[in-house]
Amino acid sequence: MDITPKFKFVEGSFNTKTNRMLVIASDNHGTVELCFKEEDCGWNIPFAKIKLFDSGLYKDFKATMEDARKLGEEIARRWNECADKR
């Protein structure tokens, strides 16, 4: 399926059937994101954040970062396994 995001200074679309999903955890930005890895240009296109805390506190992000990363890896693994079977 072709998806066309709206990002500043970026045009085009990507195909969810051919691109792999991955998780990127960034301690510096306080985020754990699910991304599609764009094969042609090498970009990672973020589409979802995994947040396992309800405050805006960095200490709560740090306390849940490892579990959020594990959850993201499991989601990406399942997505990629389904894509491999197509």
C-alpha atoms as a PDB file:
ATOM      1  CA  MET A   1       0.000   0.000   0.000  1.00  0.00           C
ATOM      2  CA  ASP A   2       1.387   3.415  -0.918  1.00  0.00           C
ATOM      3  CA  ILE A   3       1.394   5.994   1.887  1.00  0.00           C
ATOM      4  CA  THR A   4       2.004   9.698   1.271  1.00  0.00           C
ATOM      5  CA  PRO A   5       3.113  11.597   4.392  1.00  0.00           C
ATOM      6  CA  LYS A   6       3.174  15.383   4.741  1.00  0.00           C
ATOM      7  CA  PHE A   7       6.585  16.460   6.034  1.00  0.00           C
ATOM      8  CA  LYS A   8       8.334  19.799   5.559  1.00  0.00           C
ATOM      9  CA  PHE A   9      10.749  19.785   2.609  1.00  0.00           C
ATOM     10  CA  VAL A  10       9.867  16.168   1.685  1.00  0.00           C
ATOM     11  CA  GLU A  11       7.700  14.918  -1.155  1.00  0.00           C
ATOM     12  CA  GLY A  12       6.754  11.446  -2.268  1.00  0.00           C
ATOM     13  CA  SER A  13       5.322   8.243  -0.908  1.00  0.00           C
ATOM     14  CA  PHE A  14       6.494   4.875   0.358  1.00  0.00           C
ATOM     15  CA  ASN A  15       5.168   1.361   0.047  1.00  0.00           C
ATOM     16  CA  THR A  16       4.289  -0.538   3.230  1.00  0.00           C
ATOM     17  CA  LYS A  17       4.551  -3.873   1.399  1.00  0.00           C
ATOM     18  CA  THR A  18       8.207  -3.473   0.449  1.00  0.00           C
ATOM     19  CA  ASN A  19       9.621  -1.417   3.332  1.00  0.00           C
ATOM     20  CA  ARG A  20      10.584  -2.943   6.672  1.00  0.00           C
ATOM     21  CA  MET A  21       9.385  -1.628  10.017  1.00  0.00           C
ATOM     22  CA  LEU A  22      11.834  -0.848  12.797  1.00  0.00           C
ATOM     23  CA  VAL A  23      11.858   0.795  16.202  1.00  0.00           C
ATOM     24  CA  ILE A  24      14.091   3.717  17.098  1.00  0.00           C
ATOM     25  CA  ALA A  25      14.626   4.621  20.746  1.00  0.00           C
ATOM     26  CA  SER A  26      16.185   8.026  21.330  1.00  0.00           C
ATOM     27  CA  ASP A  27      17.310   8.862  24.838  1.00  0.00           C
ATOM     28  CA  ASN A  28      18.258  12.378  23.703  1.00  0.00           C
ATOM     29  CA  HIS A  29      14.762  13.112  22.384  1.00  0.00           C
ATOM     30  CA  GLY A  30      12.879  11.071  24.979  1.00  0.00           C
ATOM     31  CA  THR A  31      11.017   9.028  22.351  1.00  0.00           C
ATOM     32  CA  VAL A  32      10.512   5.486  21.156  1.00  0.00           C
ATOM     33  CA  GLU A  33       9.129   5.517  17.600  1.00  0.00           C
ATOM     34  CA  LEU A  34       7.957   2.969  15.080  1.00  0.00           C
ATOM     35  CA  CYS A  35       9.326   3.762  11.626  1.00  0.00           C
ATOM     36  CA  PHE A  36       9.300   2.421   8.106  1.00  0.00           C
ATOM     37  CA  LYS A  37      12.791   2.132   6.628  1.00  0.00           C
ATOM     38  CA  GLU A  38      12.704   3.595   3.134  1.00  0.00           C
ATOM     39  CA  GLU A  39      14.890   1.391   0.948  1.00  0.00           C
ATOM     40  CA  ASP A  40      15.592   3.842  -1.868  1.00  0.00           C
ATOM     41  CA  CYS A  41      16.778   6.835   0.138  1.00  0.00           C
ATOM     42  CA  GLY A  42      17.769   5.304   3.475  1.00  0.00           C
ATOM     43  CA  TRP A  43      15.340   7.408   5.497  1.00  0.00           C
ATOM     44  CA  ASN A  44      13.415   6.166   8.499  1.00  0.00           C
ATOM     45  CA  ILE A  45       9.850   7.472   8.318  1.00  0.00           C
ATOM     46  CA  PRO A  46       8.329   7.737  11.818  1.00  0.00           C
ATOM     47  CA  PHE A  47       4.604   7.080  12.109  1.00  0.00           C
ATOM     48  CA  ALA A  48       3.924   6.206  15.770  1.00  0.00           C
ATOM     49  CA  LYS A  49       5.345   6.871  19.217  1.00  0.00           C
ATOM     50  CA  ILE A  50       5.256   4.305  21.996  1.00  0.00           C
ATOM     51  CA  LYS A  51       4.695   5.953  25.361  1.00  0.00           C
ATOM     52  CA  LEU A  52       4.209   3.802  28.468  1.00  0.00           C
ATOM     53  CA  PHE A  53       3.802   6.656  30.957  1.00  0.00           C
ATOM     54  CA  ASP A  54       1.210   9.388  31.374  1.00  0.00           C
ATOM     55  CA  SER A  55       3.327  12.231  32.723  1.00  0.00           C
ATOM     56  CA  GLY A  56       5.563  14.501  30.719  1.00  0.00           C
ATOM     57  CA  LEU A  57       8.525  13.743  32.949  1.00  0.00           C
ATOM     58  CA  TYR A  58      11.857  12.557  31.542  1.00  0.00           C
ATOM     59  CA  LYS A  59      12.432  10.319  34.581  1.00  0.00           C
ATOM     60  CA  ASP A  60       9.224   8.428  33.707  1.00  0.00           C
ATOM     61  CA  PHE A  61      10.378   8.086  30.098  1.00  0.00           C
ATOM     62  CA  LYS A  62      13.692   6.642  31.324  1.00  0.00           C
ATOM     63  CA  ALA A  63      11.879   4.225  33.657  1.00  0.00           C
ATOM     64  CA  THR A  64       9.775   2.850  30.776  1.00  0.00           C
ATOM     65  CA  MET A  65      12.131   3.256  27.811  1.00  0.00           C
ATOM     66  CA  GLU A  66      13.394  -0.341  27.786  1.00  0.00           C
ATOM     67  CA  ASP A  67       9.888  -1.825  27.892  1.00  0.00           C
ATOM     68  CA  ALA A  68       8.675   0.617  25.223  1.00  0.00           C
ATOM     69  CA  ARG A  69      11.599  -0.417  23.016  1.00  0.00           C
ATOM     70  CA  LYS A  70      10.812  -4.115  23.561  1.00  0.00           C
ATOM     71  CA  LEU A  71       7.155  -3.528  22.680  1.00  0.00           C
ATOM     72  CA  GLY A  72       8.222  -1.670  19.522  1.00  0.00           C
ATOM     73  CA  GLU A  73      10.562  -4.489  18.538  1.00  0.00           C
ATOM     74  CA  GLU A  74       7.755  -7.017  18.970  1.00  0.00           C
ATOM     75  CA  ILE A  75       5.359  -4.948  16.842  1.00  0.00           C
ATOM     76  CA  ALA A  76       8.030  -4.520  14.144  1.00  0.00           C
ATOM     77  CA  ARG A  77       8.925  -8.236  14.250  1.00  0.00           C
ATOM     78  CA  ARG A  78       5.316  -9.274  13.738  1.00  0.00           C
ATOM     79  CA  TRP A  79       4.803  -6.748  10.932  1.00  0.00           C
ATOM     80  CA  ASN A  80       7.956  -7.833   9.126  1.00  0.00           C
ATOM     81  CA  GLU A  81       7.098 -11.533   9.491  1.00  0.00           C
ATOM     82  CA  CYS A  82       3.706 -10.905   7.879  1.00  0.00           C
ATOM     83  CA  ALA A  83       5.362  -8.900   5.109  1.00  0.00           C
ATOM     84  CA  ASP A  84       7.833 -11.747   4.457  1.00  0.00           C
ATOM     85  CA  LYS A  85       4.930 -14.157   3.886  1.00  0.00           C
ATOM     86  CA  ARG A  86       3.364 -11.983   1.164  1.00  0.00           C
END
